Amino acid sequence: MAQGGGGVKRAELLAKAAEELAREGDYGGAAKLFEKAYELTGEPILLHNIGRMYDKKGDLGAARQYYELFLQKATDPADLELGKKRLEQVLDRIPGRVWVETDPMGARVVVDDKDVGQAPVGPLELRRGLHRVRASLPGREVAQKDVTVEPGGEMRVRLALTPLAPPAPPRAETGPKKPVAQPQAVARVGPAPRSRFAPWQWVAMGAGAAGIVCGGVLTYLAGRDRDQVTGADRKGGVVVGMSQPDAVSLADAADKKDKASYALYAIGGAAVVTGVVLWVLDATGKGNGVAVYPMASPSGEGVAFAWGF
């Protein structure tokens, strides 16, 4: 509450005395004098000074209280900007408290890739913001949860670990075991007729078509990345719709995808041409293609494959 001239003069003396105590490191005493000065004048900047003293003293709860009160009372834009900055710095230093339990108990708990022990654990003091809590136990599925911690807040996190499914039993073999054929020298009997169902030309053409399709997908993705950069808002020739590093990264990614698509087009086209050539040779009888030969050996009959032009 503002006072008359005498109150203002008294408040000025108190503020100067508070500043002297602060220089001497007596932040608690300085805060008390600033509080008395505020009672005399109601000047919002004194609330900032009180919060600053508690901040330096390490009493973050009191510092937060006075910074928030300062932001409610202040009207000057510069004062408001300063108060927001001070408050954010304090909030970053006020931890939240977290307890973690698991079902069943005894699971290993990891918070933000740091092992914090076996459940139950807590209280864990975590900075404000998003944290990932993960729990693992032999024979159980890993469980995890993302939690948001507030400055000075408290929360309990419970993770249930589902049992792993039992492995499938091995299939029982039925009937007598077939003897394993040992490699033997084989002799060709009669001429080697060419198979009418040689698959290799179709394999080549199928693989080539798949390569061309994958190349087309990469070309589309490259175009999409490049459109994000060219379509971003610009000011004075500089991208402002996204950060400059992000724009450069998207452009580089588009170039790499273009190069990869060109390679896939070349490989896929070569494979398709190869398949067509094999098909023509096989159809006209000018190439051996893939031939299936009946063979005889001391251990019995068998089948051999040959490739040639």
Protein backbone atom coordinates (compact mmCIF):
# COMPACT_ATOMS: atom_id res chain seq x y z
CA MET A 1 0.00 0.00 0.00
CA ALA A 2 1.51 3.35 -1.05
CA GLN A 3 2.22 5.78 1.80
CA GLY A 4 2.94 9.52 2.00
CA GLY A 5 6.29 11.19 1.47
CA GLY A 6 7.59 9.96 4.81
CA GLY A 7 6.73 6.36 3.90
CA VAL A 8 8.49 6.62 0.57
CA LYS A 9 11.61 8.07 2.21
CA ARG A 10 11.58 5.28 4.79
CA ALA A 11 11.20 2.68 2.00
CA GLU A 12 14.19 4.12 0.15
CA LEU A 13 16.34 3.83 3.27
CA LEU A 14 15.20 0.26 3.82
CA ALA A 15 16.00 -0.63 0.18
CA LYS A 16 19.51 0.84 0.46
CA ALA A 17 20.10 -1.08 3.69
CA ALA A 18 18.86 -4.28 1.97
CA GLU A 19 21.29 -3.77 -0.90
CA GLU A 20 24.13 -3.39 1.60
CA LEU A 21 23.17 -6.65 3.32
CA ALA A 22 23.00 -8.40 -0.05
CA ARG A 23 26.54 -7.26 -0.89
CA GLU A 24 27.64 -8.77 2.43
CA GLY A 25 25.94 -12.07 1.58
CA ASP A 26 23.09 -11.74 4.10
CA TYR A 27 20.34 -12.52 1.58
CA GLY A 28 17.79 -13.49 4.21
CA GLY A 29 18.20 -10.16 6.04
CA ALA A 30 18.07 -8.27 2.74
CA ALA A 31 14.81 -10.02 1.81
CA LYS A 32 13.20 -8.96 5.09
CA LEU A 33 14.14 -5.29 4.55
CA PHE A 34 12.81 -5.37 0.97
CA GLU A 35 9.57 -6.84 2.32
CA LYS A 36 9.20 -3.92 4.74
CA ALA A 37 9.89 -1.45 1.94
CA TYR A 38 7.19 -3.09 -0.18
CA GLU A 39 4.68 -2.80 2.67
CA LEU A 40 5.32 0.96 2.69
CA THR A 41 5.15 1.63 -1.07
CA GLY A 42 3.64 -1.35 -2.88
CA GLU A 43 6.21 -0.94 -5.67
CA PRO A 44 6.18 -4.16 -7.81
CA ILE A 45 9.94 -4.05 -8.45
CA LEU A 46 10.48 -4.67 -4.74
CA LEU A 47 8.72 -8.03 -5.16
CA HIS A 48 11.32 -8.91 -7.79
CA ASN A 49 14.10 -7.90 -5.39
CA ILE A 50 12.61 -10.05 -2.62
CA GLY A 51 12.41 -13.05 -4.99
CA ARG A 52 15.99 -12.43 -6.07
CA MET A 53 17.23 -12.51 -2.49
CA TYR A 54 15.45 -15.79 -1.74
CA ASP A 55 16.77 -17.15 -5.04
CA LYS A 56 20.36 -16.39 -4.02
CA LYS A 57 19.72 -17.76 -0.55
CA GLY A 58 18.59 -21.06 -2.07
CA ASP A 59 15.00 -20.85 -0.86
CA LEU A 60 13.54 -21.69 -4.28
CA GLY A 61 9.96 -22.08 -3.04
CA ALA A 62 9.91 -18.53 -1.64
CA ALA A 63 11.70 -17.18 -4.73
CA ARG A 64 9.05 -18.76 -6.96
CA GLN A 65 6.26 -17.27 -4.84
CA TYR A 66 7.60 -13.70 -5.08
CA TYR A 67 8.49 -13.92 -8.78
CA GLU A 68 4.95 -15.09 -9.57
CA LEU A 69 3.52 -12.25 -7.43
CA PHE A 70 5.80 -9.79 -9.23
CA LEU A 71 4.46 -10.92 -12.62
CA GLN A 72 0.90 -10.35 -11.36
CA LYS A 73 1.65 -6.80 -10.22
CA ALA A 74 4.16 -5.52 -12.80
CA THR A 75 2.97 -3.66 -15.90
CA ASP A 76 6.21 -2.47 -17.51
CA PRO A 77 7.14 -4.80 -20.45
CA ALA A 78 10.82 -4.83 -19.50
CA ASP A 79 9.95 -5.75 -15.89
CA LEU A 80 7.64 -8.51 -17.09
CA GLU A 81 10.32 -9.95 -19.37
CA LEU A 82 12.85 -9.93 -16.53
CA GLY A 83 10.37 -11.56 -14.14
CA LYS A 84 9.56 -14.36 -16.61
CA LYS A 85 13.25 -15.07 -17.11
CA ARG A 86 13.92 -15.23 -13.36
CA LEU A 87 10.90 -17.47 -12.76
CA GLU A 88 11.89 -19.93 -15.51
CA GLN A 89 15.39 -20.20 -14.06
CA VAL A 90 13.95 -21.02 -10.64
CA LEU A 91 11.43 -23.54 -11.99
CA ASP A 92 14.24 -25.38 -13.78
CA ARG A 93 15.95 -25.85 -10.41
CA ILE A 94 12.90 -27.03 -8.45
CA PRO A 95 12.68 -30.82 -8.85
CA GLY A 96 9.56 -32.93 -8.79
CA ARG A 97 9.38 -36.12 -6.69
CA VAL A 98 8.51 -39.44 -8.33
CA TRP A 99 7.87 -42.90 -6.84
CA VAL A 100 7.94 -45.97 -9.12
CA GLU A 101 6.24 -49.30 -8.36
CA THR A 102 5.96 -52.40 -10.56
CA ASP A 103 3.68 -55.41 -10.74
CA PRO A 104 5.28 -57.72 -9.79
CA MET A 105 7.70 -55.90 -7.52
CA GLY A 106 11.46 -56.27 -7.95
CA ALA A 107 11.70 -55.18 -11.59
CA ARG A 108 14.75 -53.20 -12.67
CA VAL A 109 13.78 -49.54 -13.15
CA VAL A 110 15.48 -47.21 -15.63
CA VAL A 111 14.64 -43.50 -15.89
CA ASP A 112 15.92 -41.64 -18.96
CA ASP A 113 18.43 -44.46 -19.64
CA LYS A 114 19.75 -44.30 -16.06
CA ASP A 115 19.39 -47.37 -13.79
CA VAL A 116 17.78 -46.26 -10.52
CA GLY A 117 17.44 -49.67 -8.85
CA GLN A 118 14.78 -52.30 -8.24
CA ALA A 119 11.13 -51.42 -7.65
CA PRO A 120 9.79 -49.95 -5.51
CA VAL A 121 12.04 -46.89 -5.84
CA GLY A 122 11.60 -43.28 -4.76
CA PRO A 123 11.34 -40.54 -4.15
CA LEU A 124 13.35 -39.71 -7.28
CA GLU A 125 14.04 -35.99 -7.73
CA LEU A 126 13.61 -35.17 -11.43
CA ARG A 127 13.76 -31.85 -13.27
CA ARG A 128 10.52 -30.55 -14.71
CA GLY A 129 9.56 -31.83 -18.12
CA LEU A 130 9.08 -35.16 -19.90
CA HIS A 131 10.82 -38.31 -18.59
CA ARG A 132 10.68 -41.95 -19.73
CA VAL A 133 10.31 -44.63 -17.04
CA ARG A 134 11.05 -48.24 -18.06
CA ALA A 135 10.90 -51.49 -16.07
CA SER A 136 12.21 -54.95 -16.96
CA LEU A 137 12.14 -58.39 -15.32
CA PRO A 138 13.24 -61.79 -16.67
CA GLY A 139 10.29 -63.69 -18.13
CA ARG A 140 8.21 -60.51 -18.54
CA GLU A 141 7.56 -58.00 -21.28
CA VAL A 142 9.37 -54.66 -20.83
CA ALA A 143 6.96 -51.94 -19.64
CA GLN A 144 7.52 -48.21 -20.07
CA LYS A 145 5.67 -44.93 -19.61
CA ASP A 146 6.36 -41.27 -20.40
CA VAL A 147 5.58 -38.91 -17.49
CA THR A 148 5.62 -35.12 -17.19
CA VAL A 149 7.14 -33.83 -13.95
CA GLU A 150 6.07 -30.45 -12.57
CA PRO A 151 8.33 -28.26 -10.38
CA GLY A 152 7.68 -29.18 -6.75
CA GLY A 153 5.08 -31.76 -7.83
CA GLU A 154 4.75 -35.36 -6.67
CA MET A 155 3.56 -38.42 -8.59
CA ARG A 156 3.44 -42.19 -8.37
CA VAL A 157 4.09 -44.35 -11.43
CA ARG A 158 2.96 -47.98 -11.56
CA LEU A 159 4.07 -50.31 -14.35
CA ALA A 160 2.56 -53.76 -14.97
CA LEU A 161 4.86 -56.30 -16.64
CA THR A 162 3.03 -58.91 -18.75
CA PRO A 163 4.40 -62.49 -18.70
CA LEU A 164 6.17 -63.59 -21.90
CA ALA A 165 4.34 -66.15 -24.04
CA PRO A 166 5.83 -69.68 -23.66
CA PRO A 167 7.90 -70.88 -26.65
CA ALA A 168 6.14 -73.17 -29.12
CA PRO A 169 7.04 -76.88 -28.67
CA PRO A 170 9.20 -78.41 -31.43
CA ARG A 171 7.31 -80.36 -34.10
CA ALA A 172 7.63 -84.12 -33.70
CA GLU A 173 8.93 -85.97 -36.75
CA THR A 174 6.68 -88.79 -38.03
CA GLY A 175 7.72 -91.88 -39.95
CA PRO A 176 11.19 -93.33 -40.48
CA LYS A 177 14.03 -90.93 -41.00
CA LYS A 178 15.13 -90.58 -44.59
CA PRO A 179 18.78 -91.31 -45.25
CA VAL A 180 20.86 -88.27 -46.09
CA ALA A 181 22.17 -88.54 -49.64
CA GLN A 182 25.93 -88.19 -49.88
CA PRO A 183 27.45 -86.32 -52.83
CA GLN A 184 28.39 -88.82 -55.54
CA ALA A 185 29.88 -88.54 -58.97
CA VAL A 186 27.10 -88.55 -61.53
CA ALA A 187 27.05 -89.52 -65.15
CA ARG A 188 24.79 -88.00 -67.77
CA VAL A 189 22.45 -90.42 -69.51
CA GLY A 190 21.37 -89.37 -72.97
CA PRO A 191 20.97 -85.81 -74.25
CA ALA A 192 20.13 -82.99 -71.87
CA PRO A 193 16.68 -81.62 -72.78
CA ARG A 194 16.01 -78.02 -71.95
CA SER A 195 13.28 -77.38 -69.35
CA ARG A 196 10.21 -75.48 -70.57
CA PHE A 197 9.71 -74.01 -67.09
CA ALA A 198 13.06 -72.28 -66.53
CA PRO A 199 12.27 -69.56 -63.87
CA TRP A 200 15.31 -67.35 -64.07
CA GLN A 201 14.08 -64.93 -66.72
CA TRP A 202 10.98 -64.25 -64.57
CA VAL A 203 13.11 -63.85 -61.46
CA ALA A 204 15.29 -61.27 -63.22
CA MET A 205 12.30 -59.34 -64.57
CA GLY A 206 10.54 -59.44 -61.19
CA ALA A 207 13.63 -58.20 -59.34
CA GLY A 208 14.11 -55.47 -61.96
CA ALA A 209 10.51 -54.32 -61.60
CA ALA A 210 10.90 -54.22 -57.80
CA GLY A 211 14.03 -52.09 -58.17
CA ILE A 212 12.22 -49.63 -60.48
CA VAL A 213 9.28 -49.38 -58.06
CA CYS A 214 11.65 -48.72 -55.12
CA GLY A 215 13.38 -46.07 -57.24
CA GLY A 216 10.01 -44.43 -57.86
CA VAL A 217 9.25 -44.41 -54.12
CA LEU A 218 12.60 -42.73 -53.38
CA THR A 219 11.95 -40.16 -56.12
CA TYR A 220 8.60 -39.34 -54.51
CA LEU A 221 10.15 -39.02 -51.04
CA ALA A 222 12.94 -36.80 -52.42
CA GLY A 223 10.36 -34.55 -54.06
CA ARG A 224 8.36 -34.34 -50.84
CA ASP A 225 11.45 -33.33 -48.82
CA ARG A 226 12.43 -30.74 -51.41
CA ASP A 227 8.87 -29.32 -51.47
CA GLN A 228 9.03 -28.80 -47.70
CA VAL A 229 12.08 -26.56 -48.22
CA THR A 230 10.89 -24.73 -51.34
CA GLY A 231 7.40 -24.31 -49.88
CA ALA A 232 8.63 -22.89 -46.55
CA ASP A 233 8.05 -19.21 -45.78
CA ARG A 234 10.97 -17.00 -46.76
CA LYS A 235 12.07 -13.54 -45.79
CA GLY A 236 14.80 -11.81 -47.73
CA GLY A 237 15.67 -15.09 -49.46
CA VAL A 238 16.14 -16.89 -46.13
CA VAL A 239 13.89 -19.72 -45.00
CA VAL A 240 11.89 -18.66 -41.92
CA GLY A 241 9.26 -21.42 -41.85
CA MET A 242 11.82 -23.79 -40.35
CA SER A 243 15.31 -23.58 -38.89
CA GLN A 244 18.17 -23.22 -41.38
CA PRO A 245 19.82 -26.50 -40.22
CA ASP A 246 16.49 -28.31 -40.77
CA ALA A 247 16.18 -26.85 -44.28
CA VAL A 248 19.76 -27.87 -45.19
CA SER A 249 19.18 -31.35 -43.74
CA LEU A 250 15.98 -31.83 -45.79
CA ALA A 251 17.71 -30.66 -48.99
CA ASP A 252 20.65 -33.04 -48.39
CA ALA A 253 18.24 -35.91 -47.69
CA ALA A 254 16.39 -35.19 -50.96
CA ASP A 255 19.67 -35.27 -52.95
CA LYS A 256 20.69 -38.59 -51.37
CA LYS A 257 17.28 -40.13 -52.14
CA ASP A 258 17.54 -38.89 -55.76
CA LYS A 259 20.95 -40.54 -56.17
CA ALA A 260 19.72 -43.78 -54.65
CA SER A 261 16.65 -43.77 -56.94
CA TYR A 262 18.88 -43.31 -60.03
CA ALA A 263 20.92 -46.32 -58.98
CA LEU A 264 17.78 -48.42 -58.48
CA TYR A 265 16.43 -47.36 -61.88
CA ALA A 266 19.69 -48.43 -63.52
CA ILE A 267 19.90 -51.75 -61.68
CA GLY A 268 16.18 -52.51 -62.15
CA GLY A 269 16.30 -51.64 -65.85
CA ALA A 270 19.36 -53.85 -66.39
CA ALA A 271 17.62 -56.74 -64.58
CA VAL A 272 14.47 -56.37 -66.71
CA VAL A 273 16.51 -56.31 -69.93
CA THR A 274 18.43 -59.39 -68.79
CA GLY A 275 15.17 -61.23 -68.07
CA VAL A 276 13.75 -60.33 -71.49
CA VAL A 277 16.92 -61.53 -73.26
CA LEU A 278 16.85 -64.82 -71.35
CA TRP A 279 13.16 -65.28 -72.18
CA VAL A 280 13.78 -64.68 -75.92
CA LEU A 281 16.76 -67.05 -76.00
CA ASP A 282 14.80 -69.72 -74.14
CA ALA A 283 11.76 -69.31 -76.41
CA THR A 284 13.78 -69.51 -79.66
CA GLY A 285 15.97 -72.37 -78.50
CA LYS A 286 19.13 -70.34 -79.12
CA GLY A 287 20.16 -70.43 -75.49
CA ASN A 288 20.38 -73.26 -73.04
CA GLY A 289 18.60 -71.25 -70.33
CA VAL A 290 18.13 -73.29 -67.20
CA ALA A 291 18.21 -76.98 -68.14
CA VAL A 292 17.10 -79.92 -65.99
CA TYR A 293 19.03 -83.10 -66.60
CA PRO A 294 18.14 -86.61 -65.34
CA MET A 295 21.20 -88.19 -63.77
CA ALA A 296 22.11 -91.70 -62.60
CA SER A 297 24.58 -92.53 -59.88
CA PRO A 298 25.60 -95.58 -57.84
CA SER A 299 23.21 -94.47 -55.08
CA GLY A 300 20.17 -93.97 -57.36
CA GLU A 301 18.56 -91.39 -59.59
CA GLY A 302 18.95 -87.65 -59.13
CA VAL A 303 18.46 -84.23 -60.77
CA ALA A 304 21.13 -81.73 -61.80
CA PHE A 305 20.75 -78.05 -62.94
CA ALA A 306 22.91 -76.36 -65.60
CA TRP A 307 23.10 -72.72 -66.81
CA GLY A 308 24.47 -71.55 -70.13
CA PHE A 309 24.02 -69.66 -73.35
